[in-house]
């Protein structure tokens, strides 16, 4: 959508506030392609949780999905 950092951070802050109201996390890991630009946007984000960049950056979701897919399926009780 070609958002400015200000526009983007407003949306992300709304999401973070909602996430915090639902599950009260201690830490939120920021993944995806933007995680490599962590230093550019972290000062714009507001959270009571610690915000950390994913160490695998954009590959974090792919690696997480591969790990989940490799695990045996759990049966619902």
C-alpha atoms as a PDB file:
ATOM      1  CA  UNK A   1       0.000   0.000   0.000  1.00  0.00           C
ATOM      2  CA  UNK A   2       3.069   2.253  -0.065  1.00  0.00           C
ATOM      3  CA  UNK A   3       2.549   3.355   3.545  1.00  0.00           C
ATOM      4  CA  UNK A   4       4.888   5.770   5.255  1.00  0.00           C
ATOM      5  CA  UNK A   5       6.610   4.543   8.430  1.00  0.00           C
ATOM      6  CA  UNK A   6       4.168   6.747  10.377  1.00  0.00           C
ATOM      7  CA  UNK A   7       1.107   5.170   8.713  1.00  0.00           C
ATOM      8  CA  UNK A   8       2.510   1.670   9.040  1.00  0.00           C
ATOM      9  CA  UNK A   9       3.408   2.095  12.705  1.00  0.00           C
ATOM     10  CA  UNK A  10      -0.082   3.414  13.499  1.00  0.00           C
ATOM     11  CA  UNK A  11      -1.565   0.187  12.117  1.00  0.00           C
ATOM     12  CA  UNK A  12       0.983  -2.019  13.852  1.00  0.00           C
ATOM     13  CA  UNK A  13       0.486  -0.233  17.173  1.00  0.00           C
ATOM     14  CA  UNK A  14      -3.266  -0.853  16.929  1.00  0.00           C
ATOM     15  CA  UNK A  15      -2.543  -4.541  16.296  1.00  0.00           C
ATOM     16  CA  UNK A  16      -0.062  -4.724  19.187  1.00  0.00           C
ATOM     17  CA  UNK A  17      -2.602  -3.128  21.539  1.00  0.00           C
ATOM     18  CA  UNK A  18      -5.241  -5.660  20.499  1.00  0.00           C
ATOM     19  CA  UNK A  19      -2.820  -8.564  20.856  1.00  0.00           C
ATOM     20  CA  UNK A  20      -1.813  -7.393  24.328  1.00  0.00           C
ATOM     21  CA  UNK A  21      -5.448  -7.054  25.411  1.00  0.00           C
ATOM     22  CA  UNK A  22      -6.162 -10.623  24.294  1.00  0.00           C
ATOM     23  CA  UNK A  23      -3.147 -12.601  25.501  1.00  0.00           C
ATOM     24  CA  UNK A  24      -0.846 -10.288  27.536  1.00  0.00           C
ATOM     25  CA  UNK A  25       2.448 -11.528  26.047  1.00  0.00           C
ATOM     26  CA  UNK A  26       5.764 -10.804  27.746  1.00  0.00           C
ATOM     27  CA  UNK A  27       7.603 -10.802  24.408  1.00  0.00           C
ATOM     28  CA  UNK A  28       6.527 -10.276  20.803  1.00  0.00           C
ATOM     29  CA  UNK A  29       8.863 -11.366  18.023  1.00  0.00           C
ATOM     30  CA  UNK A  30       8.639  -9.265  14.879  1.00  0.00           C
ATOM     31  CA  UNK A  31       9.203 -11.480  11.836  1.00  0.00           C
ATOM     32  CA  UNK A  32       8.831 -11.219   8.109  1.00  0.00           C
ATOM     33  CA  UNK A  33      10.662  -9.071   5.614  1.00  0.00           C
ATOM     34  CA  UNK A  34      10.517  -5.979   7.800  1.00  0.00           C
ATOM     35  CA  UNK A  35      12.413  -7.603  10.635  1.00  0.00           C
ATOM     36  CA  UNK A  36      15.675  -6.848   8.817  1.00  0.00           C
ATOM     37  CA  UNK A  37      14.758  -3.126   9.096  1.00  0.00           C
ATOM     38  CA  UNK A  38      14.064  -3.432  12.833  1.00  0.00           C
ATOM     39  CA  UNK A  39      16.211  -0.422  13.757  1.00  0.00           C
ATOM     40  CA  UNK A  40      14.223   1.788  11.359  1.00  0.00           C
ATOM     41  CA  UNK A  41      10.838   1.172  12.964  1.00  0.00           C
ATOM     42  CA  UNK A  42      11.276  -0.054  16.537  1.00  0.00           C
ATOM     43  CA  UNK A  43      11.286   3.464  17.982  1.00  0.00           C
ATOM     44  CA  UNK A  44       7.832   4.022  16.473  1.00  0.00           C
ATOM     45  CA  UNK A  45       6.217   0.996  18.096  1.00  0.00           C
ATOM     46  CA  UNK A  46       4.537   1.041  21.494  1.00  0.00           C
ATOM     47  CA  UNK A  47       4.114  -2.097  23.548  1.00  0.00           C
ATOM     48  CA  UNK A  48       4.209  -3.213  27.142  1.00  0.00           C
ATOM     49  CA  UNK A  49       5.787  -6.445  25.858  1.00  0.00           C
ATOM     50  CA  UNK A  50       9.429  -6.683  24.808  1.00  0.00           C
ATOM     51  CA  UNK A  51       9.658  -6.357  21.019  1.00  0.00           C
ATOM     52  CA  UNK A  52      12.425  -8.367  19.357  1.00  0.00           C
ATOM     53  CA  UNK A  53      13.316  -9.006  15.709  1.00  0.00           C
ATOM     54  CA  UNK A  54      13.191 -12.588  14.449  1.00  0.00           C
ATOM     55  CA  UNK A  55      16.764 -13.827  14.140  1.00  0.00           C
ATOM     56  CA  UNK A  56      15.925 -15.585  10.873  1.00  0.00           C
ATOM     57  CA  UNK A  57      14.255 -12.422   9.525  1.00  0.00           C
ATOM     58  CA  UNK A  58      11.988 -13.273   6.569  1.00  0.00           C
ATOM     59  CA  UNK A  59      12.820 -16.982   6.828  1.00  0.00           C
ATOM     60  CA  UNK A  60      11.385 -17.300  10.349  1.00  0.00           C
ATOM     61  CA  UNK A  61       7.871 -18.179   9.172  1.00  0.00           C
ATOM     62  CA  UNK A  62       9.136 -20.689   6.628  1.00  0.00           C
ATOM     63  CA  UNK A  63      11.331 -22.435   9.191  1.00  0.00           C
ATOM     64  CA  UNK A  64       8.525 -22.458  11.771  1.00  0.00           C
ATOM     65  CA  UNK A  65       6.082 -23.950   9.261  1.00  0.00           C
ATOM     66  CA  UNK A  66       8.598 -26.638   8.279  1.00  0.00           C
ATOM     67  CA  UNK A  67       9.161 -27.584  11.928  1.00  0.00           C
ATOM     68  CA  UNK A  68       5.402 -27.756  12.565  1.00  0.00           C
ATOM     69  CA  UNK A  69       4.857 -29.857   9.436  1.00  0.00           C
ATOM     70  CA  UNK A  70       7.564 -32.322  10.502  1.00  0.00           C
ATOM     71  CA  UNK A  71       5.885 -33.009  13.856  1.00  0.00           C
ATOM     72  CA  UNK A  72       3.369 -35.837  14.150  1.00  0.00           C
ATOM     73  CA  UNK A  73      -0.237 -34.668  13.957  1.00  0.00           C
ATOM     74  CA  UNK A  74      -1.946 -34.248  17.328  1.00  0.00           C
ATOM     75  CA  UNK A  75      -5.296 -35.857  17.836  1.00  0.00           C
ATOM     76  CA  UNK A  76      -8.124 -33.740  19.199  1.00  0.00           C
ATOM     77  CA  UNK A  77      -9.520 -34.977  22.491  1.00  0.00           C
END
